[in-house]
Structures are given as C-alpha cells and as structure tokens.
Amino acid sequence: MRPVEGSDQYAWMYKTKTWRKLRECHLAENPLCAECWKRGRTVVASIVHHLTAHKGQWHLFVDLNNLEAVCAKCHDGDIRETERNGYSNRIGLDGWPVDANHPANRS
C-alpha cells in the first residue's frame, strides 16, 4: 500500500471520509492519467493530485477544479520534481527541455 499522500502535517486530511469519497468519485470519472494522456499514452490513474498545493487549506483540498487524476509514475516523478524545482526536466523529441521554466529555456 502506498504511503498517505501529502506531508505528515496534513496526513489527517487524506484519512477523512470526505477525501476518500471525493478521491473514489474523481478516479471513477477520470480513470486515465491526465499527464500521460497529454503525451499520447493511455495509462490508468491511481492518484488524485492537487494542482495547486493546498497547504492545509480545506477549500483547496476539496476543490474539484484543483484535482487531477494521475498515475504513480507521473506523480512520483515529473510532478514531484516540478513542485520541488519549479520546473520539469522532461526532454522533448528534439532533445531540449519542454518546460518553459527550465533554466535552459530562459533567455
């Protein structure tokens, strides 16, 4: 079983009945990874990611417009890296970083 999402400080939020039901419904309505879909791949989603970090704010935590269904590979890789660094290191077919915020794309 995967560890509870979010930091330890907000772990209680992921244990609420409201979140469990919201997560279940979101994955039922959005069964595919949104990030993989953008890249032309069809992968089953297993995680509901908050697009804007909620930082304990309940209204952001349960905001349906702030949720995205993703697979574990995207969540634990590119998404986490982007949140940590402020940009993605994902490389395009041309061998250049695809994220406009990547230092190589800043001029």
PDB file of N, CA and C in Angstrom:
ATOM      1  N   MET A   1       0.848  -1.190   0.000  1.00  0.00           N
ATOM      2  CA  MET A   1       0.000   0.000   0.000  1.00  0.00           C
ATOM      3  C   MET A   1       0.886   1.244   0.000  1.00  0.00           C
ATOM      4  N   ARG A   2       0.484   2.237  -0.772  1.00  0.00           N
ATOM      5  CA  ARG A   2       1.236   3.489  -0.879  1.00  0.00           C
ATOM      6  C   ARG A   2       1.123   4.277   0.423  1.00  0.00           C
ATOM      7  N   PRO A   3       2.150   5.060   0.767  1.00  0.00           N
ATOM      8  CA  PRO A   3       2.046   5.919   1.949  1.00  0.00           C
ATOM      9  C   PRO A   3       0.956   6.962   1.752  1.00  0.00           C
ATOM     10  N   VAL A   4       0.484   7.498   2.844  1.00  0.00           N
ATOM     11  CA  VAL A   4      -0.542   8.537   2.791  1.00  0.00           C
ATOM     12  C   VAL A   4       0.001   9.726   2.018  1.00  0.00           C
ATOM     13  N   GLU A   5      -0.816  10.264   1.099  1.00  0.00           N
ATOM     14  CA  GLU A   5      -0.392  11.404   0.301  1.00  0.00           C
ATOM     15  C   GLU A   5      -0.223  12.637   1.185  1.00  0.00           C
ATOM     16  N   GLY A   6       0.607  13.550   0.719  1.00  0.00           N
ATOM     17  CA  GLY A   6       0.783  14.802   1.443  1.00  0.00           C
ATOM     18  C   GLY A   6       1.796  14.672   2.563  1.00  0.00           C
ATOM     19  N   SER A   7       2.119  15.772   3.160  1.00  0.00           N
ATOM     20  CA  SER A   7       3.080  15.748   4.261  1.00  0.00           C
ATOM     21  C   SER A   7       2.409  15.205   5.513  1.00  0.00           C
ATOM     22  N   ASP A   8       3.224  14.823   6.487  1.00  0.00           N
ATOM     23  CA  ASP A   8       2.693  14.301   7.741  1.00  0.00           C
ATOM     24  C   ASP A   8       1.762  15.302   8.414  1.00  0.00           C
ATOM     25  N   GLN A   9       2.063  16.568   8.238  1.00  0.00           N
ATOM     26  CA  GLN A   9       1.270  17.622   8.854  1.00  0.00           C
ATOM     27  C   GLN A   9      -0.190  17.590   8.377  1.00  0.00           C
ATOM     28  N   TYR A  10      -0.395  17.205   7.119  1.00  0.00           N
ATOM     29  CA  TYR A  10      -1.741  17.202   6.548  1.00  0.00           C
ATOM     30  C   TYR A  10      -2.277  15.795   6.314  1.00  0.00           C
ATOM     31  N   ALA A  11      -1.585  14.794   6.812  1.00  0.00           N
ATOM     32  CA  ALA A  11      -1.984  13.403   6.588  1.00  0.00           C
ATOM     33  C   ALA A  11      -3.418  13.138   7.041  1.00  0.00           C
ATOM     34  N   TRP A  12      -3.854  13.802   8.083  1.00  0.00           N
ATOM     35  CA  TRP A  12      -5.204  13.579   8.595  1.00  0.00           C
ATOM     36  C   TRP A  12      -6.267  13.895   7.536  1.00  0.00           C
ATOM     37  N   MET A  13      -5.974  14.852   6.665  1.00  0.00           N
ATOM     38  CA  MET A  13      -6.944  15.251   5.645  1.00  0.00           C
ATOM     39  C   MET A  13      -7.223  14.099   4.677  1.00  0.00           C
ATOM     40  N   TYR A  14      -6.185  13.332   4.358  1.00  0.00           N
ATOM     41  CA  TYR A  14      -6.326  12.217   3.425  1.00  0.00           C
ATOM     42  C   TYR A  14      -7.035  11.021   4.055  1.00  0.00           C
ATOM     43  N   LYS A  15      -7.221  11.059   5.353  1.00  0.00           N
ATOM     44  CA  LYS A  15      -7.900   9.970   6.050  1.00  0.00           C
ATOM     45  C   LYS A  15      -9.378  10.247   6.276  1.00  0.00           C
ATOM     46  N   THR A  16      -9.853  11.435   5.912  1.00  0.00           N
ATOM     47  CA  THR A  16     -11.252  11.786   6.147  1.00  0.00           C
ATOM     48  C   THR A  16     -12.170  11.050   5.179  1.00  0.00           C
ATOM     49  N   LYS A  17     -13.377  10.846   5.612  1.00  0.00           N
ATOM     50  CA  LYS A  17     -14.392  10.209   4.775  1.00  0.00           C
ATOM     51  C   LYS A  17     -14.656  11.066   3.533  1.00  0.00           C
ATOM     52  N   THR A  18     -14.645  12.373   3.710  1.00  0.00           N
ATOM     53  CA  THR A  18     -14.875  13.294   2.589  1.00  0.00           C
ATOM     54  C   THR A  18     -13.827  13.075   1.509  1.00  0.00           C
ATOM     55  N   TRP A  19     -12.536  13.018   1.884  1.00  0.00           N
ATOM     56  CA  TRP A  19     -11.482  12.827   0.886  1.00  0.00           C
ATOM     57  C   TRP A  19     -11.575  11.452   0.235  1.00  0.00           C
ATOM     58  N   ARG A  20     -11.800  10.416   1.022  1.00  0.00           N
ATOM     59  CA  ARG A  20     -11.867   9.068   0.459  1.00  0.00           C
ATOM     60  C   ARG A  20     -12.964   8.974  -0.597  1.00  0.00           C
ATOM     61  N   LYS A  21     -14.117   9.572  -0.319  1.00  0.00           N
ATOM     62  CA  LYS A  21     -15.230   9.551  -1.263  1.00  0.00           C
ATOM     63  C   LYS A  21     -14.917  10.422  -2.485  1.00  0.00           C
ATOM     64  N   LEU A  22     -14.359  11.605  -2.252  1.00  0.00           N
ATOM     65  CA  LEU A  22     -14.002  12.508  -3.339  1.00  0.00           C
ATOM     66  C   LEU A  22     -12.979  11.855  -4.268  1.00  0.00           C
ATOM     67  N   ARG A  23     -11.977  11.220  -3.694  1.00  0.00           N
ATOM     68  CA  ARG A  23     -10.953  10.529  -4.461  1.00  0.00           C
ATOM     69  C   ARG A  23     -11.562   9.403  -5.285  1.00  0.00           C
ATOM     70  N   GLU A  24     -12.384   8.612  -4.657  1.00  0.00           N
ATOM     71  CA  GLU A  24     -13.048   7.488  -5.338  1.00  0.00           C
ATOM     72  C   GLU A  24     -13.877   7.982  -6.530  1.00  0.00           C
ATOM     73  N   CYS A  25     -14.663   9.026  -6.315  1.00  0.00           N
ATOM     74  CA  CYS A  25     -15.504   9.585  -7.378  1.00  0.00           C
ATOM     75  C   CYS A  25     -14.663  10.192  -8.492  1.00  0.00           C
ATOM     76  N   HIS A  26     -13.591  10.902  -8.116  1.00  0.00           N
ATOM     77  CA  HIS A  26     -12.747  11.548  -9.123  1.00  0.00           C
ATOM     78  C   HIS A  26     -12.075  10.505 -10.009  1.00  0.00           C
ATOM     79  N   LEU A  27     -11.570   9.431  -9.414  1.00  0.00           N
ATOM     80  CA  LEU A  27     -10.925   8.389 -10.199  1.00  0.00           C
ATOM     81  C   LEU A  27     -11.938   7.634 -11.064  1.00  0.00           C
ATOM     82  N   ALA A  28     -13.164   7.489 -10.582  1.00  0.00           N
ATOM     83  CA  ALA A  28     -14.200   6.828 -11.379  1.00  0.00           C
ATOM     84  C   ALA A  28     -14.556   7.669 -12.606  1.00  0.00           C
ATOM     85  N   GLU A  29     -14.590   8.993 -12.427  1.00  0.00           N
ATOM     86  CA  GLU A  29     -14.922   9.900 -13.536  1.00  0.00           C
ATOM     87  C   GLU A  29     -13.711  10.184 -14.425  1.00  0.00           C
ATOM     88  N   ASN A  30     -12.511  10.025 -13.895  1.00  0.00           N
ATOM     89  CA  ASN A  30     -11.268  10.315 -14.629  1.00  0.00           C
ATOM     90  C   ASN A  30     -10.316   9.132 -14.451  1.00  0.00           C
ATOM     91  N   PRO A  31     -10.593   8.023 -15.118  1.00  0.00           N
ATOM     92  CA  PRO A  31      -9.808   6.802 -14.876  1.00  0.00           C
ATOM     93  C   PRO A  31      -8.415   6.794 -15.496  1.00  0.00           C
ATOM     94  N   LEU A  32      -8.120   7.760 -16.365  1.00  0.00           N
ATOM     95  CA  LEU A  32      -6.813   7.768 -17.035  1.00  0.00           C
ATOM     96  C   LEU A  32      -5.934   8.900 -16.526  1.00  0.00           C
ATOM     97  N   CYS A  33      -4.635   8.657 -16.550  1.00  0.00           N
ATOM     98  CA  CYS A  33      -3.651   9.658 -16.124  1.00  0.00           C
ATOM     99  C   CYS A  33      -3.690  10.848 -17.081  1.00  0.00           C
ATOM    100  N   ALA A  34      -3.975  12.026 -16.546  1.00  0.00           N
ATOM    101  CA  ALA A  34      -4.069  13.243 -17.358  1.00  0.00           C
ATOM    102  C   ALA A  34      -2.723  13.615 -17.968  1.00  0.00           C
ATOM    103  N   GLU A  35      -1.644  13.394 -17.248  1.00  0.00           N
ATOM    104  CA  GLU A  35      -0.309  13.743 -17.749  1.00  0.00           C
ATOM    105  C   GLU A  35       0.102  12.812 -18.887  1.00  0.00           C
ATOM    106  N   CYS A  36      -0.134  11.526 -18.741  1.00  0.00           N
ATOM    107  CA  CYS A  36       0.192  10.573 -19.804  1.00  0.00           C
ATOM    108  C   CYS A  36      -0.677  10.848 -21.034  1.00  0.00           C
ATOM    109  N   TRP A  37      -1.951  11.168 -20.804  1.00  0.00           N
ATOM    110  CA  TRP A  37      -2.872  11.451 -21.903  1.00  0.00           C
ATOM    111  C   TRP A  37      -2.361  12.618 -22.754  1.00  0.00           C
ATOM    112  N   LYS A  38      -1.810  13.639 -22.098  1.00  0.00           N
ATOM    113  CA  LYS A  38      -1.262  14.792 -22.823  1.00  0.00           C
ATOM    114  C   LYS A  38      -0.117  14.375 -23.746  1.00  0.00           C
ATOM    115  N   ARG A  39       0.549  13.283 -23.386  1.00  0.00           N
ATOM    116  CA  ARG A  39       1.697  12.790 -24.166  1.00  0.00           C
ATOM    117  C   ARG A  39       1.305  11.664 -25.123  1.00  0.00           C
ATOM    118  N   GLY A  40      -0.013  11.439 -25.245  1.00  0.00           N
ATOM    119  CA  GLY A  40      -0.492  10.429 -26.184  1.00  0.00           C
ATOM    120  C   GLY A  40      -0.457   9.005 -25.669  1.00  0.00           C
ATOM    121  N   ARG A  41      -0.329   8.841 -24.349  1.00  0.00           N
ATOM    122  CA  ARG A  41      -0.297   7.494 -23.756  1.00  0.00           C
ATOM    123  C   ARG A  41      -1.570   7.258 -22.961  1.00  0.00           C
ATOM    124  N   THR A  42      -1.999   6.021 -22.930  1.00  0.00           N
ATOM    125  CA  THR A  42      -3.189   5.637 -22.176  1.00  0.00           C
ATOM    126  C   THR A  42      -2.741   4.809 -20.972  1.00  0.00           C
ATOM    127  N   VAL A  43      -2.779   5.431 -19.790  1.00  0.00           N
ATOM    128  CA  VAL A  43      -2.329   4.783 -18.556  1.00  0.00           C
ATOM    129  C   VAL A  43      -3.388   5.020 -17.481  1.00  0.00           C
ATOM    130  N   VAL A  44      -3.687   3.989 -16.717  1.00  0.00           N
ATOM    131  CA  VAL A  44      -4.683   4.090 -15.653  1.00  0.00           C
ATOM    132  C   VAL A  44      -4.163   4.979 -14.527  1.00  0.00           C
ATOM    133  N   ALA A  45      -5.006   5.887 -14.056  1.00  0.00           N
ATOM    134  CA  ALA A  45      -4.666   6.771 -12.931  1.00  0.00           C
ATOM    135  C   ALA A  45      -4.910   6.045 -11.612  1.00  0.00           C
ATOM    136  N   SER A  46      -4.076   6.331 -10.642  1.00  0.00           N
ATOM    137  CA  SER A  46      -4.237   5.728  -9.318  1.00  0.00           C
ATOM    138  C   SER A  46      -4.150   6.763  -8.200  1.00  0.00           C
ATOM    139  N   ILE A  47      -3.787   7.997  -8.551  1.00  0.00           N
ATOM    140  CA  ILE A  47      -3.597   9.057  -7.563  1.00  0.00           C
ATOM    141  C   ILE A  47      -4.386  10.282  -7.981  1.00  0.00           C
ATOM    142  N   VAL A  48      -4.981  10.951  -7.005  1.00  0.00           N
ATOM    143  CA  VAL A  48      -5.632  12.236  -7.267  1.00  0.00           C
ATOM    144  C   VAL A  48      -4.696  13.309  -6.726  1.00  0.00           C
ATOM    145  N   HIS A  49      -4.178  14.098  -7.652  1.00  0.00           N
ATOM    146  CA  HIS A  49      -3.170  15.111  -7.348  1.00  0.00           C
ATOM    147  C   HIS A  49      -3.827  16.485  -7.233  1.00  0.00           C
ATOM    148  N   HIS A  50      -3.358  17.297  -6.306  1.00  0.00           N
ATOM    149  CA  HIS A  50      -3.816  18.683  -6.177  1.00  0.00           C
ATOM    150  C   HIS A  50      -2.954  19.559  -7.079  1.00  0.00           C
ATOM    151  N   LEU A  51      -3.575  20.217  -8.045  1.00  0.00           N
ATOM    152  CA  LEU A  51      -2.855  21.065  -8.997  1.00  0.00           C
ATOM    153  C   LEU A  51      -2.175  22.227  -8.286  1.00  0.00           C
ATOM    154  N   THR A  52      -2.893  22.854  -7.357  1.00  0.00           N
ATOM    155  CA  THR A  52      -2.327  23.890  -6.506  1.00  0.00           C
ATOM    156  C   THR A  52      -2.191  23.288  -5.114  1.00  0.00           C
ATOM    157  N   ALA A  53      -1.007  23.338  -4.559  1.00  0.00           N
ATOM    158  CA  ALA A  53      -0.789  22.768  -3.226  1.00  0.00           C
ATOM    159  C   ALA A  53      -1.771  23.376  -2.226  1.00  0.00           C
ATOM    160  N   HIS A  54      -2.463  22.519  -1.495  1.00  0.00           N
ATOM    161  CA  HIS A  54      -3.497  23.011  -0.568  1.00  0.00           C
ATOM    162  C   HIS A  54      -2.910  23.561   0.721  1.00  0.00           C
ATOM    163  N   LYS A  55      -1.756  23.090   1.137  1.00  0.00           N
ATOM    164  CA  LYS A  55      -1.073  23.557   2.350  1.00  0.00           C
ATOM    165  C   LYS A  55      -2.017  23.634   3.548  1.00  0.00           C
ATOM    166  N   GLY A  56      -2.905  22.646   3.644  1.00  0.00           N
ATOM    167  CA  GLY A  56      -3.821  22.563   4.776  1.00  0.00           C
ATOM    168  C   GLY A  56      -5.103  23.353   4.620  1.00  0.00           C
ATOM    169  N   GLN A  57      -5.265  24.060   3.518  1.00  0.00           N
ATOM    170  CA  GLN A  57      -6.482  24.842   3.301  1.00  0.00           C
ATOM    171  C   GLN A  57      -7.577  23.914   2.756  1.00  0.00           C
ATOM    172  N   TRP A  58      -8.585  23.695   3.566  1.00  0.00           N
ATOM    173  CA  TRP A  58      -9.634  22.734   3.243  1.00  0.00           C
ATOM    174  C   TRP A  58     -10.323  23.051   1.915  1.00  0.00           C
ATOM    175  N   HIS A  59     -10.588  24.339   1.646  1.00  0.00           N
ATOM    176  CA  HIS A  59     -11.298  24.680   0.408  1.00  0.00           C
ATOM    177  C   HIS A  59     -10.491  24.282  -0.828  1.00  0.00           C
ATOM    178  N   LEU A  60      -9.162  24.380  -0.778  1.00  0.00           N
ATOM    179  CA  LEU A  60      -8.321  23.934  -1.891  1.00  0.00           C
ATOM    180  C   LEU A  60      -8.225  22.415  -1.926  1.00  0.00           C
ATOM    181  N   PHE A  61      -8.254  21.812  -0.767  1.00  0.00           N
ATOM    182  CA  PHE A  61      -8.140  20.361  -0.653  1.00  0.00           C
ATOM    183  C   PHE A  61      -9.306  19.657  -1.330  1.00  0.00           C
ATOM    184  N   VAL A  62     -10.505  20.201  -1.211  1.00  0.00           N
ATOM    185  CA  VAL A  62     -11.699  19.546  -1.752  1.00  0.00           C
ATOM    186  C   VAL A  62     -12.238  20.205  -3.025  1.00  0.00           C
ATOM    187  N   ASP A  63     -11.529  21.186  -3.550  1.00  0.00           N
ATOM    188  CA  ASP A  63     -11.961  21.882  -4.762  1.00  0.00           C
ATOM    189  C   ASP A  63     -11.828  20.952  -5.971  1.00  0.00           C
ATOM    190  N   LEU A  64     -12.947  20.622  -6.607  1.00  0.00           N
ATOM    191  CA  LEU A  64     -12.936  19.708  -7.748  1.00  0.00           C
ATOM    192  C   LEU A  64     -12.094  20.237  -8.906  1.00  0.00           C
ATOM    193  N   ASN A  65     -12.011  21.547  -9.045  1.00  0.00           N
ATOM    194  CA  ASN A  65     -11.212  22.148 -10.113  1.00  0.00           C
ATOM    195  C   ASN A  65      -9.715  22.132  -9.809  1.00  0.00           C
ATOM    196  N   ASN A  66      -9.356  21.701  -8.619  1.00  0.00           N
ATOM    197  CA  ASN A  66      -7.958  21.650  -8.205  1.00  0.00           C
ATOM    198  C   ASN A  66      -7.415  20.216  -8.223  1.00  0.00           C
ATOM    199  N   LEU A  67      -8.179  19.303  -8.794  1.00  0.00           N
ATOM    200  CA  LEU A  67      -7.797  17.894  -8.773  1.00  0.00           C
ATOM    201  C   LEU A  67      -7.453  17.382 -10.163  1.00  0.00           C
ATOM    202  N   GLU A  68      -6.492  16.479 -10.211  1.00  0.00           N
ATOM    203  CA  GLU A  68      -6.084  15.855 -11.463  1.00  0.00           C
ATOM    204  C   GLU A  68      -5.755  14.390 -11.171  1.00  0.00           C
ATOM    205  N   ALA A  69      -6.324  13.495 -11.966  1.00  0.00           N
ATOM    206  CA  ALA A  69      -6.037  12.073 -11.830  1.00  0.00           C
ATOM    207  C   ALA A  69      -4.748  11.762 -12.579  1.00  0.00           C
ATOM    208  N   VAL A  70      -3.803  11.126 -11.886  1.00  0.00           N
ATOM    209  CA  VAL A  70      -2.512  10.797 -12.490  1.00  0.00           C
ATOM    210  C   VAL A  70      -2.070   9.399 -12.065  1.00  0.00           C
ATOM    211  N   CYS A  71      -1.110   8.857 -12.804  1.00  0.00           N
ATOM    212  CA  CYS A  71      -0.538   7.569 -12.425  1.00  0.00           C
ATOM    213  C   CYS A  71       0.588   7.811 -11.406  1.00  0.00           C
ATOM    214  N   ALA A  72       0.994   6.749 -10.740  1.00  0.00           N
ATOM    215  CA  ALA A  72       2.051   6.875  -9.726  1.00  0.00           C
ATOM    216  C   ALA A  72       3.372   7.318 -10.345  1.00  0.00           C
ATOM    217  N   LYS A  73       3.678   6.845 -11.551  1.00  0.00           N
ATOM    218  CA  LYS A  73       4.942   7.208 -12.199  1.00  0.00           C
ATOM    219  C   LYS A  73       5.021   8.714 -12.440  1.00  0.00           C
ATOM    220  N   CYS A  74       3.928   9.302 -12.953  1.00  0.00           N
ATOM    221  CA  CYS A  74       3.916  10.756 -13.185  1.00  0.00           C
ATOM    222  C   CYS A  74       3.956  11.521 -11.866  1.00  0.00           C
ATOM    223  N   HIS A  75       3.150  11.076 -10.908  1.00  0.00           N
ATOM    224  CA  HIS A  75       3.072  11.781  -9.627  1.00  0.00           C
ATOM    225  C   HIS A  75       4.406  11.772  -8.889  1.00  0.00           C
ATOM    226  N   ASP A  76       5.022  10.596  -8.837  1.00  0.00           N
ATOM    227  CA  ASP A  76       6.259  10.456  -8.066  1.00  0.00           C
ATOM    228  C   ASP A  76       7.490  10.911  -8.844  1.00  0.00           C
ATOM    229  N   GLY A  77       7.331  11.167 -10.131  1.00  0.00           N
ATOM    230  CA  GLY A  77       8.451  11.600 -10.955  1.00  0.00           C
ATOM    231  C   GLY A  77       8.345  13.054 -11.348  1.00  0.00           C
ATOM    232  N   ASP A  78       7.790  13.295 -12.526  1.00  0.00           N
ATOM    233  CA  ASP A  78       7.774  14.639 -13.107  1.00  0.00           C
ATOM    234  C   ASP A  78       7.022  15.651 -12.247  1.00  0.00           C
ATOM    235  N   ILE A  79       5.867  15.278 -11.706  1.00  0.00           N
ATOM    236  CA  ILE A  79       5.083  16.220 -10.898  1.00  0.00           C
ATOM    237  C   ILE A  79       5.839  16.621  -9.637  1.00  0.00           C
ATOM    238  N   ARG A  80       6.372  15.638  -8.943  1.00  0.00           N
ATOM    239  CA  ARG A  80       7.118  15.925  -7.710  1.00  0.00           C
ATOM    240  C   ARG A  80       8.360  16.763  -8.006  1.00  0.00           C
ATOM    241  N   GLU A  81       9.037  16.428  -9.087  1.00  0.00           N
ATOM    242  CA  GLU A  81      10.236  17.178  -9.478  1.00  0.00           C
ATOM    243  C   GLU A  81       9.890  18.637  -9.814  1.00  0.00           C
ATOM    244  N   THR A  82       8.797  18.839 -10.526  1.00  0.00           N
ATOM    245  CA  THR A  82       8.367  20.189 -10.885  1.00  0.00           C
ATOM    246  C   THR A  82       8.007  20.989  -9.639  1.00  0.00           C
ATOM    247  N   GLU A  83       7.316  20.355  -8.683  1.00  0.00           N
ATOM    248  CA  GLU A  83       6.966  21.047  -7.441  1.00  0.00           C
ATOM    249  C   GLU A  83       8.209  21.402  -6.645  1.00  0.00           C
ATOM    250  N   ARG A  84       9.177  20.525  -6.644  1.00  0.00           N
ATOM    251  CA  ARG A  84      10.401  20.751  -5.861  1.00  0.00           C
ATOM    252  C   ARG A  84      11.306  21.802  -6.515  1.00  0.00           C
ATOM    253  N   ASN A  85      11.501  21.727  -7.843  1.00  0.00           N
ATOM    254  CA  ASN A  85      12.446  22.598  -8.543  1.00  0.00           C
ATOM    255  C   ASN A  85      11.822  23.836  -9.164  1.00  0.00           C
ATOM    256  N   GLY A  86      10.523  23.802  -9.392  1.00  0.00           N
ATOM    257  CA  GLY A  86       9.873  24.905 -10.075  1.00  0.00           C
ATOM    258  C   GLY A  86       9.869  24.723 -11.584  1.00  0.00           C
ATOM    259  N   TYR A  87      10.404  23.605 -12.058  1.00  0.00           N
ATOM    260  CA  TYR A  87      10.404  23.282 -13.483  1.00  0.00           C
ATOM    261  C   TYR A  87      10.604  21.774 -13.655  1.00  0.00           C
ATOM    262  N   SER A  88      10.227  21.293 -14.840  1.00  0.00           N
ATOM    263  CA  SER A  88      10.381  19.889 -15.177  1.00  0.00           C
ATOM    264  C   SER A  88      11.674  19.688 -15.954  1.00  0.00           C
ATOM    265  N   ASN A  89      12.304  18.546 -15.766  1.00  0.00           N
ATOM    266  CA  ASN A  89      13.489  18.183 -16.532  1.00  0.00           C
ATOM    267  C   ASN A  89      13.142  17.304 -17.733  1.00  0.00           C
ATOM    268  N   ARG A  90      11.834  17.136 -17.997  1.00  0.00           N
ATOM    269  CA  ARG A  90      11.409  16.294 -19.111  1.00  0.00           C
ATOM    270  C   ARG A  90      11.964  16.863 -20.416  1.00  0.00           C
ATOM    271  N   ILE A  91      12.466  15.965 -21.253  1.00  0.00           N
ATOM    272  CA  ILE A  91      13.094  16.344 -22.515  1.00  0.00           C
ATOM    273  C   ILE A  91      12.173  15.969 -23.671  1.00  0.00           C
ATOM    274  N   GLY A  92      12.045  16.875 -24.637  1.00  0.00           N
ATOM    275  CA  GLY A  92      11.223  16.634 -25.820  1.00  0.00           C
ATOM    276  C   GLY A  92      11.951  15.805 -26.856  1.00  0.00           C
ATOM    277  N   LEU A  93      11.263  15.492 -27.940  1.00  0.00           N
ATOM    278  CA  LEU A  93      11.847  14.698 -29.018  1.00  0.00           C
ATOM    279  C   LEU A  93      13.049  15.388 -29.659  1.00  0.00           C
ATOM    280  N   ASP A  94      13.100  16.701 -29.532  1.00  0.00           N
ATOM    281  CA  ASP A  94      14.217  17.453 -30.105  1.00  0.00           C
ATOM    282  C   ASP A  94      15.441  17.484 -29.188  1.00  0.00           C
ATOM    283  N   GLY A  95      15.325  16.825 -28.006  1.00  0.00           N
ATOM    284  CA  GLY A  95      16.442  16.780 -27.067  1.00  0.00           C
ATOM    285  C   GLY A  95      16.545  17.997 -26.166  1.00  0.00           C
ATOM    286  N   TRP A  96      15.549  18.866 -26.214  1.00  0.00           N
ATOM    287  CA  TRP A  96      15.545  20.102 -25.453  1.00  0.00           C
ATOM    288  C   TRP A  96      14.474  20.022 -24.362  1.00  0.00           C
ATOM    289  N   PRO A  97      14.688  20.618 -23.183  1.00  0.00           N
ATOM    290  CA  PRO A  97      13.664  20.608 -22.133  1.00  0.00           C
ATOM    291  C   PRO A  97      12.349  21.222 -22.633  1.00  0.00           C
ATOM    292  N   VAL A  98      11.229  20.567 -22.318  1.00  0.00           N
ATOM    293  CA  VAL A  98       9.929  21.041 -22.799  1.00  0.00           C
ATOM    294  C   VAL A  98       9.328  22.125 -21.918  1.00  0.00           C
ATOM    295  N   ASP A  99       9.780  22.223 -20.682  1.00  0.00           N
ATOM    296  CA  ASP A  99       9.221  23.202 -19.748  1.00  0.00           C
ATOM    297  C   ASP A  99       9.839  24.586 -19.992  1.00  0.00           C
ATOM    298  N   ALA A 100       8.983  25.550 -20.248  1.00  0.00           N
ATOM    299  CA  ALA A 100       9.452  26.925 -20.490  1.00  0.00           C
ATOM    300  C   ALA A 100      10.193  27.505 -19.286  1.00  0.00           C
ATOM    301  N   ASN A 101       9.914  26.982 -18.089  1.00  0.00           N
ATOM    302  CA  ASN A 101      10.583  27.459 -16.878  1.00  0.00           C
ATOM    303  C   ASN A 101      11.946  26.814 -16.637  1.00  0.00           C
ATOM    304  N   HIS A 102      12.297  25.821 -17.450  1.00  0.00           N
ATOM    305  CA  HIS A 102      13.596  25.164 -17.279  1.00  0.00           C
ATOM    306  C   HIS A 102      14.705  26.190 -17.536  1.00  0.00           C
ATOM    307  N   PRO A 103      15.782  26.167 -16.742  1.00  0.00           N
ATOM    308  CA  PRO A 103      16.858  27.141 -16.913  1.00  0.00           C
ATOM    309  C   PRO A 103      17.422  27.199 -18.344  1.00  0.00           C
ATOM    310  N   ALA A 104      17.419  26.082 -19.051  1.00  0.00           N
ATOM    311  CA  ALA A 104      17.940  26.067 -20.414  1.00  0.00           C
ATOM    312  C   ALA A 104      17.064  26.873 -21.377  1.00  0.00           C
ATOM    313  N   ASN A 105      15.802  27.075 -21.006  1.00  0.00           N
ATOM    314  CA  ASN A 105      14.862  27.818 -21.865  1.00  0.00           C
ATOM    315  C   ASN A 105      14.724  29.276 -21.482  1.00  0.00           C
ATOM    316  N   ARG A 106      15.399  29.691 -20.445  1.00  0.00           N
ATOM    317  CA  ARG A 106      15.325  31.087 -20.017  1.00  0.00           C
ATOM    318  C   ARG A 106      16.380  31.903 -20.764  1.00  0.00           C
ATOM    319  N   SER A 107      15.951  32.981 -21.343  1.00  0.00           N
ATOM    320  CA  SER A 107      16.943  33.811 -22.025  1.00  0.00           C
ATOM    321  C   SER A 107      16.652  35.273 -21.811  1.00  0.00           C
TER     322      SER A 107
END
